[in-house]
Amino acid sequence: MIRKIIVPTLFISLFLVSSCAKEEEALSIYSNNIVPSDQVTATSFTVSISGTFSGIDKMDLALGKRGLIYCVKSDNVEDMFKDWLDGKDCPEVKVLERLNSTGESMQCMLYGLAEDTEYSYSLYFQKRDGTREISRISSFQTKPFNPEIDEVALDGVECFVAFVSGT
């Protein structure tokens, strides 16, 4: 009778432990020491992103690398960022390294983005020993490029040059 109770109980316990281990593994790729700011300023072709790096060894903070990894948003962004984190080649993931960051804060500007496109990004930190950490994945949307041209006054023309004024 005891055998009928213990065997199923052990099986269920092992199943629950293995399920929890997989869930913890999935959550462990993100560092709580790296926090992107909620304020992201995007235009049609640029974005400004900042963040803080806290709880990191002072020598690693001074000598390590930090920056931003990003790509066009897709369903497998988490897998691509995990591959980059593991040191695998991932051509879809772009890296912006901030060489001149000091202290616990960092601000960077990305140029040459596609208009009206959603991007995913994470801040990263690489320690002196080469190990990497990334923040939680965030996203931003660039704006559509819709220039408006108003009527302007033509002030004069001299030798193939037009003088235009406007606001």
N, C-alpha and C. Protein backbone atom coordinates (compact mmCIF):
# COMPACT_ATOMS: atom_id res chain seq x y z
N MET A 1 0.82 -1.20 0.00
CA MET A 1 0.00 0.00 0.00
C MET A 1 0.87 1.27 0.00
N ILE A 2 1.93 1.24 0.83
CA ILE A 2 2.82 2.40 0.91
C ILE A 2 3.50 2.61 -0.44
N ARG A 3 3.86 1.53 -1.11
CA ARG A 3 4.51 1.63 -2.42
C ARG A 3 3.60 2.31 -3.45
N LYS A 4 2.31 2.06 -3.38
CA LYS A 4 1.35 2.67 -4.31
C LYS A 4 1.25 4.18 -4.09
N ILE A 5 1.53 4.64 -2.91
CA ILE A 5 1.45 6.06 -2.62
C ILE A 5 2.80 6.75 -2.90
N ILE A 6 3.90 6.12 -2.50
CA ILE A 6 5.22 6.74 -2.61
C ILE A 6 5.68 6.89 -4.06
N VAL A 7 5.51 5.88 -4.88
CA VAL A 7 5.98 5.93 -6.28
C VAL A 7 5.30 7.07 -7.05
N PRO A 8 3.96 7.17 -7.03
CA PRO A 8 3.35 8.30 -7.75
C PRO A 8 3.75 9.66 -7.17
N THR A 9 3.90 9.73 -5.84
CA THR A 9 4.30 10.99 -5.22
C THR A 9 5.70 11.39 -5.67
N LEU A 10 6.63 10.46 -5.71
CA LEU A 10 7.98 10.75 -6.20
C LEU A 10 7.97 11.20 -7.65
N PHE A 11 7.18 10.55 -8.47
CA PHE A 11 7.08 10.91 -9.88
C PHE A 11 6.57 12.35 -10.04
N ILE A 12 5.52 12.68 -9.31
CA ILE A 12 4.95 14.03 -9.38
C ILE A 12 5.97 15.06 -8.88
N SER A 13 6.68 14.74 -7.80
CA SER A 13 7.68 15.66 -7.25
C SER A 13 8.79 15.92 -8.25
N LEU A 14 9.29 14.86 -8.89
CA LEU A 14 10.34 15.03 -9.89
C LEU A 14 9.87 15.87 -11.08
N PHE A 15 8.64 15.65 -11.49
CA PHE A 15 8.07 16.42 -12.60
C PHE A 15 8.01 17.90 -12.23
N LEU A 16 7.53 18.22 -11.03
CA LEU A 16 7.42 19.62 -10.60
C LEU A 16 8.80 20.27 -10.48
N VAL A 17 9.77 19.57 -9.95
CA VAL A 17 11.11 20.12 -9.80
C VAL A 17 11.72 20.41 -11.17
N SER A 18 11.58 19.50 -12.12
CA SER A 18 12.15 19.73 -13.45
C SER A 18 11.44 20.87 -14.16
N SER A 19 10.14 21.02 -13.97
CA SER A 19 9.40 22.13 -14.59
C SER A 19 9.87 23.46 -14.03
N CYS A 20 10.06 23.54 -12.72
CA CYS A 20 10.51 24.78 -12.10
C CYS A 20 11.92 25.14 -12.55
N ALA A 21 12.78 24.15 -12.72
CA ALA A 21 14.15 24.42 -13.15
C ALA A 21 14.17 25.04 -14.53
N LYS A 22 13.32 24.57 -15.45
CA LYS A 22 13.27 25.14 -16.79
C LYS A 22 12.77 26.58 -16.74
N GLU A 23 11.77 26.85 -15.89
CA GLU A 23 11.24 28.20 -15.77
C GLU A 23 12.29 29.14 -15.20
N GLU A 24 13.03 28.69 -14.16
CA GLU A 24 14.08 29.52 -13.58
C GLU A 24 15.17 29.81 -14.60
N GLU A 25 15.52 28.82 -15.43
CA GLU A 25 16.54 29.01 -16.45
C GLU A 25 16.13 30.09 -17.44
N ALA A 26 14.86 30.09 -17.85
CA ALA A 26 14.37 31.08 -18.81
C ALA A 26 14.41 32.48 -18.21
N LEU A 27 14.12 32.60 -16.92
CA LEU A 27 14.09 33.92 -16.29
C LEU A 27 15.48 34.42 -15.94
N SER A 28 16.46 33.54 -15.83
CA SER A 28 17.77 33.94 -15.33
C SER A 28 18.63 34.68 -16.36
N ILE A 29 18.21 34.82 -17.60
CA ILE A 29 19.05 35.51 -18.57
C ILE A 29 19.03 37.03 -18.37
N TYR A 30 18.07 37.56 -17.63
CA TYR A 30 17.96 39.00 -17.44
C TYR A 30 18.57 39.41 -16.11
N SER A 31 19.36 40.47 -16.12
CA SER A 31 20.02 40.97 -14.92
C SER A 31 19.16 42.04 -14.26
N ASN A 32 19.03 41.96 -12.95
CA ASN A 32 18.33 43.00 -12.20
C ASN A 32 19.23 44.21 -11.96
N ASN A 33 20.54 44.08 -12.28
CA ASN A 33 21.48 45.17 -12.07
C ASN A 33 21.47 46.18 -13.21
N ILE A 34 20.80 45.85 -14.32
CA ILE A 34 20.76 46.73 -15.48
C ILE A 34 19.32 47.12 -15.74
N VAL A 35 19.03 48.41 -15.64
CA VAL A 35 17.65 48.87 -15.77
C VAL A 35 17.55 49.96 -16.83
N PRO A 36 16.86 49.66 -17.95
CA PRO A 36 16.65 50.72 -18.95
C PRO A 36 15.65 51.74 -18.44
N SER A 37 15.84 52.98 -18.84
CA SER A 37 14.91 54.03 -18.47
C SER A 37 13.59 53.84 -19.21
N ASP A 38 12.51 54.27 -18.59
CA ASP A 38 11.20 54.21 -19.26
C ASP A 38 11.07 55.32 -20.30
N GLN A 39 11.94 56.32 -20.23
CA GLN A 39 11.87 57.44 -21.17
C GLN A 39 12.76 57.17 -22.37
N VAL A 40 12.15 56.88 -23.49
CA VAL A 40 12.84 56.64 -24.75
C VAL A 40 12.31 57.67 -25.74
N THR A 41 13.21 58.38 -26.39
CA THR A 41 12.80 59.41 -27.34
C THR A 41 13.15 58.96 -28.75
N ALA A 42 12.13 58.65 -29.53
CA ALA A 42 12.34 58.17 -30.90
C ALA A 42 11.82 59.19 -31.90
N THR A 43 12.57 59.36 -32.99
CA THR A 43 12.12 60.16 -34.14
C THR A 43 11.92 59.18 -35.30
N SER A 44 11.90 59.67 -36.51
CA SER A 44 11.75 58.79 -37.67
C SER A 44 12.97 57.91 -37.89
N PHE A 45 14.17 58.42 -37.57
CA PHE A 45 15.40 57.69 -37.88
C PHE A 45 16.36 57.55 -36.72
N THR A 46 16.02 58.08 -35.55
CA THR A 46 16.92 58.03 -34.39
C THR A 46 16.14 57.66 -33.13
N VAL A 47 16.90 57.25 -32.10
CA VAL A 47 16.30 57.03 -30.78
C VAL A 47 17.35 57.32 -29.71
N SER A 48 16.92 57.88 -28.61
CA SER A 48 17.77 58.13 -27.46
C SER A 48 17.31 57.21 -26.33
N ILE A 49 18.25 56.43 -25.79
CA ILE A 49 17.94 55.45 -24.75
C ILE A 49 18.95 55.62 -23.62
N SER A 50 18.49 55.49 -22.38
CA SER A 50 19.40 55.57 -21.24
C SER A 50 19.08 54.44 -20.27
N GLY A 51 19.96 54.26 -19.31
CA GLY A 51 19.75 53.23 -18.31
C GLY A 51 20.75 53.35 -17.19
N THR A 52 20.56 52.54 -16.15
CA THR A 52 21.47 52.53 -15.01
C THR A 52 22.02 51.13 -14.78
N PHE A 53 23.24 51.09 -14.29
CA PHE A 53 23.96 49.85 -13.99
C PHE A 53 24.32 49.91 -12.51
N SER A 54 23.65 49.15 -11.68
CA SER A 54 23.91 49.20 -10.24
C SER A 54 24.21 47.80 -9.72
N GLY A 55 24.85 47.73 -8.54
CA GLY A 55 25.15 46.45 -7.94
C GLY A 55 26.24 45.68 -8.68
N ILE A 56 27.04 46.38 -9.49
CA ILE A 56 28.10 45.74 -10.27
C ILE A 56 29.44 46.09 -9.61
N ASP A 57 30.34 45.13 -9.53
CA ASP A 57 31.67 45.34 -8.97
C ASP A 57 32.29 46.60 -9.57
N LYS A 58 32.90 47.44 -8.72
CA LYS A 58 33.46 48.72 -9.16
C LYS A 58 34.53 48.56 -10.25
N MET A 59 35.38 47.53 -10.13
CA MET A 59 36.41 47.31 -11.15
C MET A 59 35.78 46.88 -12.46
N ASP A 60 34.77 46.00 -12.40
CA ASP A 60 34.07 45.60 -13.61
C ASP A 60 33.38 46.80 -14.24
N LEU A 61 32.78 47.64 -13.39
CA LEU A 61 32.09 48.83 -13.90
C LEU A 61 33.07 49.76 -14.60
N ALA A 62 34.27 49.89 -14.07
CA ALA A 62 35.27 50.78 -14.66
C ALA A 62 35.92 50.18 -15.90
N LEU A 63 36.15 48.86 -15.92
CA LEU A 63 36.90 48.24 -17.01
C LEU A 63 36.05 47.41 -17.96
N GLY A 64 34.81 47.14 -17.59
CA GLY A 64 33.93 46.34 -18.45
C GLY A 64 33.38 47.15 -19.60
N LYS A 65 32.65 46.48 -20.46
CA LYS A 65 32.01 47.15 -21.60
C LYS A 65 30.51 47.21 -21.35
N ARG A 66 29.90 48.24 -21.85
CA ARG A 66 28.44 48.34 -21.77
C ARG A 66 27.91 49.00 -23.01
N GLY A 67 26.65 48.75 -23.27
CA GLY A 67 26.04 49.31 -24.46
C GLY A 67 24.64 48.80 -24.65
N LEU A 68 24.29 48.65 -25.91
CA LEU A 68 22.92 48.33 -26.29
C LEU A 68 22.95 47.28 -27.39
N ILE A 69 22.09 46.27 -27.28
CA ILE A 69 21.88 45.36 -28.40
C ILE A 69 20.45 45.59 -28.87
N TYR A 70 20.24 45.52 -30.19
CA TYR A 70 18.92 45.80 -30.72
C TYR A 70 18.71 45.09 -32.04
N CYS A 71 17.45 44.96 -32.42
CA CYS A 71 17.08 44.38 -33.71
C CYS A 71 15.64 44.75 -34.01
N VAL A 72 15.24 44.55 -35.26
CA VAL A 72 13.85 44.76 -35.62
C VAL A 72 13.03 43.73 -34.85
N LYS A 73 11.93 44.17 -34.28
CA LYS A 73 11.13 43.28 -33.43
C LYS A 73 10.61 42.08 -34.22
N SER A 74 10.73 40.91 -33.60
CA SER A 74 10.20 39.68 -34.20
C SER A 74 9.78 38.74 -33.09
N ASP A 75 9.19 37.62 -33.47
CA ASP A 75 8.71 36.67 -32.47
C ASP A 75 9.83 35.95 -31.74
N ASN A 76 11.03 35.88 -32.32
CA ASN A 76 12.12 35.15 -31.68
C ASN A 76 13.22 36.06 -31.12
N VAL A 77 12.85 37.27 -30.73
CA VAL A 77 13.83 38.22 -30.18
C VAL A 77 14.52 37.64 -28.95
N GLU A 78 13.77 37.03 -28.07
CA GLU A 78 14.37 36.48 -26.85
C GLU A 78 15.43 35.43 -27.19
N ASP A 79 15.16 34.57 -28.16
CA ASP A 79 16.13 33.55 -28.57
C ASP A 79 17.37 34.20 -29.19
N MET A 80 17.18 35.23 -30.03
CA MET A 80 18.32 35.91 -30.65
C MET A 80 19.19 36.58 -29.60
N PHE A 81 18.57 37.26 -28.62
CA PHE A 81 19.34 37.92 -27.58
C PHE A 81 20.05 36.90 -26.69
N LYS A 82 19.42 35.76 -26.44
CA LYS A 82 20.07 34.70 -25.66
C LYS A 82 21.27 34.15 -26.42
N ASP A 83 21.14 33.97 -27.73
CA ASP A 83 22.27 33.52 -28.54
C ASP A 83 23.43 34.51 -28.45
N TRP A 84 23.13 35.81 -28.57
CA TRP A 84 24.16 36.83 -28.45
C TRP A 84 24.81 36.77 -27.06
N LEU A 85 23.98 36.61 -26.04
CA LEU A 85 24.46 36.54 -24.67
C LEU A 85 25.41 35.35 -24.49
N ASP A 86 25.13 34.25 -25.16
CA ASP A 86 25.97 33.05 -25.09
C ASP A 86 27.18 33.12 -26.00
N GLY A 87 27.36 34.24 -26.74
CA GLY A 87 28.53 34.42 -27.60
C GLY A 87 28.37 33.82 -28.98
N LYS A 88 27.17 33.42 -29.35
CA LYS A 88 26.95 32.86 -30.68
C LYS A 88 26.79 33.97 -31.70
N ASP A 89 27.10 33.67 -32.95
CA ASP A 89 26.96 34.63 -34.03
C ASP A 89 25.48 34.83 -34.33
N CYS A 90 25.04 36.06 -34.28
CA CYS A 90 23.62 36.37 -34.54
C CYS A 90 23.57 37.67 -35.36
N PRO A 91 23.61 37.56 -36.70
CA PRO A 91 23.70 38.75 -37.54
C PRO A 91 22.52 39.72 -37.43
N GLU A 92 21.37 39.24 -36.98
CA GLU A 92 20.21 40.13 -36.85
C GLU A 92 20.36 41.10 -35.69
N VAL A 93 21.18 40.74 -34.70
CA VAL A 93 21.36 41.57 -33.51
C VAL A 93 22.50 42.55 -33.75
N LYS A 94 22.20 43.83 -33.63
CA LYS A 94 23.18 44.90 -33.78
C LYS A 94 23.67 45.31 -32.39
N VAL A 95 24.93 45.70 -32.30
CA VAL A 95 25.54 46.06 -31.02
C VAL A 95 26.06 47.49 -31.09
N LEU A 96 25.72 48.29 -30.10
CA LEU A 96 26.27 49.63 -29.95
C LEU A 96 27.03 49.64 -28.63
N GLU A 97 28.35 49.73 -28.70
CA GLU A 97 29.17 49.75 -27.49
C GLU A 97 29.43 51.19 -27.09
N ARG A 98 29.24 51.47 -25.82
CA ARG A 98 29.49 52.81 -25.28
C ARG A 98 30.84 52.80 -24.58
N LEU A 99 31.87 53.24 -25.24
CA LEU A 99 33.22 53.21 -24.68
C LEU A 99 33.44 54.28 -23.63
N ASN A 100 32.72 55.38 -23.72
CA ASN A 100 32.99 56.52 -22.84
C ASN A 100 31.99 56.64 -21.68
N SER A 101 31.31 55.57 -21.31
CA SER A 101 30.37 55.63 -20.20
C SER A 101 31.14 55.60 -18.89
N THR A 102 30.68 56.40 -17.95
CA THR A 102 31.29 56.42 -16.62
C THR A 102 30.20 56.34 -15.57
N GLY A 103 30.57 55.84 -14.40
CA GLY A 103 29.59 55.75 -13.32
C GLY A 103 28.53 54.70 -13.60
N GLU A 104 27.40 54.88 -12.97
CA GLU A 104 26.33 53.89 -13.08
C GLU A 104 25.31 54.19 -14.17
N SER A 105 25.43 55.31 -14.85
CA SER A 105 24.42 55.64 -15.87
C SER A 105 25.03 55.63 -17.26
N MET A 106 24.17 55.46 -18.23
CA MET A 106 24.60 55.44 -19.62
C MET A 106 23.48 56.03 -20.48
N GLN A 107 23.85 56.80 -21.46
CA GLN A 107 22.89 57.30 -22.44
C GLN A 107 23.49 57.09 -23.82
N CYS A 108 22.67 56.66 -24.76
CA CYS A 108 23.18 56.47 -26.11
C CYS A 108 22.12 56.89 -27.12
N MET A 109 22.61 57.16 -28.30
CA MET A 109 21.76 57.58 -29.41
C MET A 109 22.03 56.65 -30.59
N LEU A 110 20.96 56.10 -31.16
CA LEU A 110 21.07 55.27 -32.36
C LEU A 110 20.65 56.10 -33.56
N TYR A 111 21.42 56.01 -34.63
CA TYR A 111 21.13 56.74 -35.86
C TYR A 111 20.89 55.75 -36.99
N GLY A 112 20.25 56.20 -38.05
CA GLY A 112 20.09 55.39 -39.25
C GLY A 112 19.07 54.28 -39.14
N LEU A 113 18.09 54.45 -38.28
CA LEU A 113 17.04 53.44 -38.12
C LEU A 113 16.02 53.58 -39.25
N ALA A 114 15.24 52.55 -39.45
CA ALA A 114 14.18 52.60 -40.47
C ALA A 114 12.97 53.33 -39.88
N GLU A 115 12.32 54.10 -40.70
CA GLU A 115 11.14 54.84 -40.23
C GLU A 115 9.97 53.88 -40.00
N ASP A 116 9.10 54.26 -39.08
CA ASP A 116 7.85 53.54 -38.79
C ASP A 116 8.12 52.04 -38.58
N THR A 117 9.10 51.73 -37.73
CA THR A 117 9.50 50.35 -37.48
C THR A 117 9.60 50.12 -35.98
N GLU A 118 9.19 48.94 -35.53
CA GLU A 118 9.31 48.61 -34.12
C GLU A 118 10.60 47.82 -33.90
N TYR A 119 11.36 48.23 -32.89
CA TYR A 119 12.63 47.60 -32.54
C TYR A 119 12.55 47.05 -31.12
N SER A 120 13.29 45.99 -30.87
CA SER A 120 13.49 45.45 -29.52
C SER A 120 14.92 45.74 -29.12
N TYR A 121 15.15 45.97 -27.83
CA TYR A 121 16.50 46.24 -27.37
C TYR A 121 16.69 45.79 -25.92
N SER A 122 17.94 45.62 -25.55
CA SER A 122 18.35 45.37 -24.17
C SER A 122 19.66 46.12 -23.95
N LEU A 123 19.84 46.65 -22.77
CA LEU A 123 21.13 47.18 -22.39
C LEU A 123 21.99 45.98 -22.00
N TYR A 124 23.30 46.07 -22.23
CA TYR A 124 24.16 44.95 -21.85
C TYR A 124 25.36 45.43 -21.07
N PHE A 125 25.93 44.51 -20.32
CA PHE A 125 27.17 44.75 -19.61
C PHE A 125 28.06 43.54 -19.78
N GLN A 126 29.32 43.77 -20.16
CA GLN A 126 30.28 42.68 -20.29
C GLN A 126 31.39 42.89 -19.26
N LYS A 127 31.53 41.91 -18.37
CA LYS A 127 32.55 42.00 -17.31
C LYS A 127 33.95 41.80 -17.88
N ARG A 128 34.94 42.04 -17.04
CA ARG A 128 36.34 41.86 -17.44
C ARG A 128 36.64 40.44 -17.87
N ASP A 129 35.93 39.46 -17.28
CA ASP A 129 36.18 38.05 -17.63
C ASP A 129 35.46 37.62 -18.91
N GLY A 130 34.72 38.53 -19.54
CA GLY A 130 34.04 38.24 -20.80
C GLY A 130 32.59 37.81 -20.65
N THR A 131 32.13 37.53 -19.43
CA THR A 131 30.73 37.15 -19.25
C THR A 131 29.84 38.37 -19.47
N ARG A 132 28.66 38.11 -19.98
CA ARG A 132 27.74 39.19 -20.34
C ARG A 132 26.44 39.09 -19.55
N GLU A 133 25.82 40.24 -19.32
CA GLU A 133 24.50 40.33 -18.71
C GLU A 133 23.67 41.27 -19.57
N ILE A 134 22.37 41.03 -19.65
CA ILE A 134 21.48 41.94 -20.37
C ILE A 134 20.29 42.31 -19.49
N SER A 135 19.71 43.46 -19.80
CA SER A 135 18.50 43.90 -19.11
C SER A 135 17.30 43.19 -19.70
N ARG A 136 16.17 43.41 -19.09
CA ARG A 136 14.93 42.90 -19.68
C ARG A 136 14.77 43.51 -21.08
N ILE A 137 14.07 42.82 -21.94
CA ILE A 137 13.87 43.30 -23.31
C ILE A 137 12.80 44.38 -23.31
N SER A 138 13.11 45.48 -23.96
CA SER A 138 12.16 46.58 -24.12
C SER A 138 12.00 46.85 -25.62
N SER A 139 11.12 47.75 -25.96
CA SER A 139 10.94 48.07 -27.38
C SER A 139 10.60 49.55 -27.57
N PHE A 140 10.78 50.00 -28.79
CA PHE A 140 10.40 51.36 -29.18
C PHE A 140 9.95 51.32 -30.63
N GLN A 141 9.21 52.33 -31.02
CA GLN A 141 8.69 52.45 -32.38
C GLN A 141 9.18 53.77 -32.96
N THR A 142 9.84 53.71 -34.12
CA THR A 142 10.21 54.95 -34.80
C THR A 142 8.97 55.55 -35.45
N LYS A 143 9.02 56.83 -35.67
CA LYS A 143 7.86 57.52 -36.23
C LYS A 143 7.87 57.46 -37.76
N PRO A 144 6.70 57.58 -38.37
CA PRO A 144 6.68 57.65 -39.84
C PRO A 144 7.29 58.96 -40.30
N PHE A 145 7.87 58.94 -41.48
CA PHE A 145 8.48 60.14 -42.04
C PHE A 145 7.47 60.80 -42.96
N ASN A 146 6.86 61.85 -42.47
CA ASN A 146 5.84 62.58 -43.25
C ASN A 146 6.18 64.07 -43.23
N PRO A 147 7.13 64.49 -44.06
CA PRO A 147 7.49 65.91 -44.06
C PRO A 147 6.34 66.75 -44.60
N GLU A 148 6.16 67.90 -43.99
CA GLU A 148 5.15 68.83 -44.46
C GLU A 148 5.86 70.04 -45.06
N ILE A 149 5.47 70.39 -46.25
CA ILE A 149 6.07 71.55 -46.91
C ILE A 149 4.99 72.62 -47.01
N ASP A 150 5.27 73.74 -46.40
CA ASP A 150 4.36 74.87 -46.46
C ASP A 150 4.78 75.79 -47.60
N GLU A 151 3.86 76.67 -47.96
CA GLU A 151 4.23 77.67 -48.95
C GLU A 151 5.24 78.62 -48.33
N VAL A 152 6.25 78.94 -49.10
CA VAL A 152 7.27 79.86 -48.61
C VAL A 152 7.40 81.02 -49.59
N ALA A 153 7.87 82.11 -49.09
CA ALA A 153 8.04 83.30 -49.92
C ALA A 153 9.40 83.26 -50.60
N LEU A 154 9.40 83.55 -51.90
CA LEU A 154 10.65 83.62 -52.66
C LEU A 154 11.11 85.08 -52.60
N ASP A 155 12.25 85.29 -51.94
CA ASP A 155 12.75 86.64 -51.73
C ASP A 155 13.51 87.18 -52.94
N GLY A 156 14.05 86.32 -53.77
CA GLY A 156 14.79 86.79 -54.92
C GLY A 156 15.61 85.67 -55.52
N VAL A 157 16.04 85.90 -56.79
CA VAL A 157 16.87 84.93 -57.48
C VAL A 157 18.07 85.66 -58.05
N GLU A 158 19.27 85.14 -57.78
CA GLU A 158 20.49 85.74 -58.32
C GLU A 158 21.40 84.63 -58.80
N CYS A 159 21.73 84.60 -60.07
CA CYS A 159 22.67 83.65 -60.64
C CYS A 159 22.40 82.21 -60.21
N PHE A 160 21.29 81.69 -60.49
CA PHE A 160 20.90 80.30 -60.19
C PHE A 160 20.72 79.99 -58.69
N VAL A 161 20.66 80.98 -57.85
CA VAL A 161 20.45 80.77 -56.40
C VAL A 161 19.15 81.44 -56.03
N ALA A 162 18.28 80.70 -55.34
CA ALA A 162 17.02 81.27 -54.87
C ALA A 162 17.14 81.49 -53.38
N PHE A 163 16.67 82.62 -52.90
CA PHE A 163 16.65 82.95 -51.49
C PHE A 163 15.22 82.74 -50.98
N VAL A 164 15.09 81.83 -50.04
CA VAL A 164 13.77 81.46 -49.52
C VAL A 164 13.73 81.77 -48.04
N SER A 165 12.62 82.31 -47.59
CA SER A 165 12.47 82.53 -46.15
C SER A 165 11.25 81.77 -45.66
N GLY A 166 11.27 81.45 -44.43
CA GLY A 166 10.16 80.71 -43.84
C GLY A 166 10.46 80.36 -42.41
N THR A 167 9.49 79.72 -41.77
CA THR A 167 9.70 79.32 -40.36
C THR A 167 9.57 77.83 -40.22
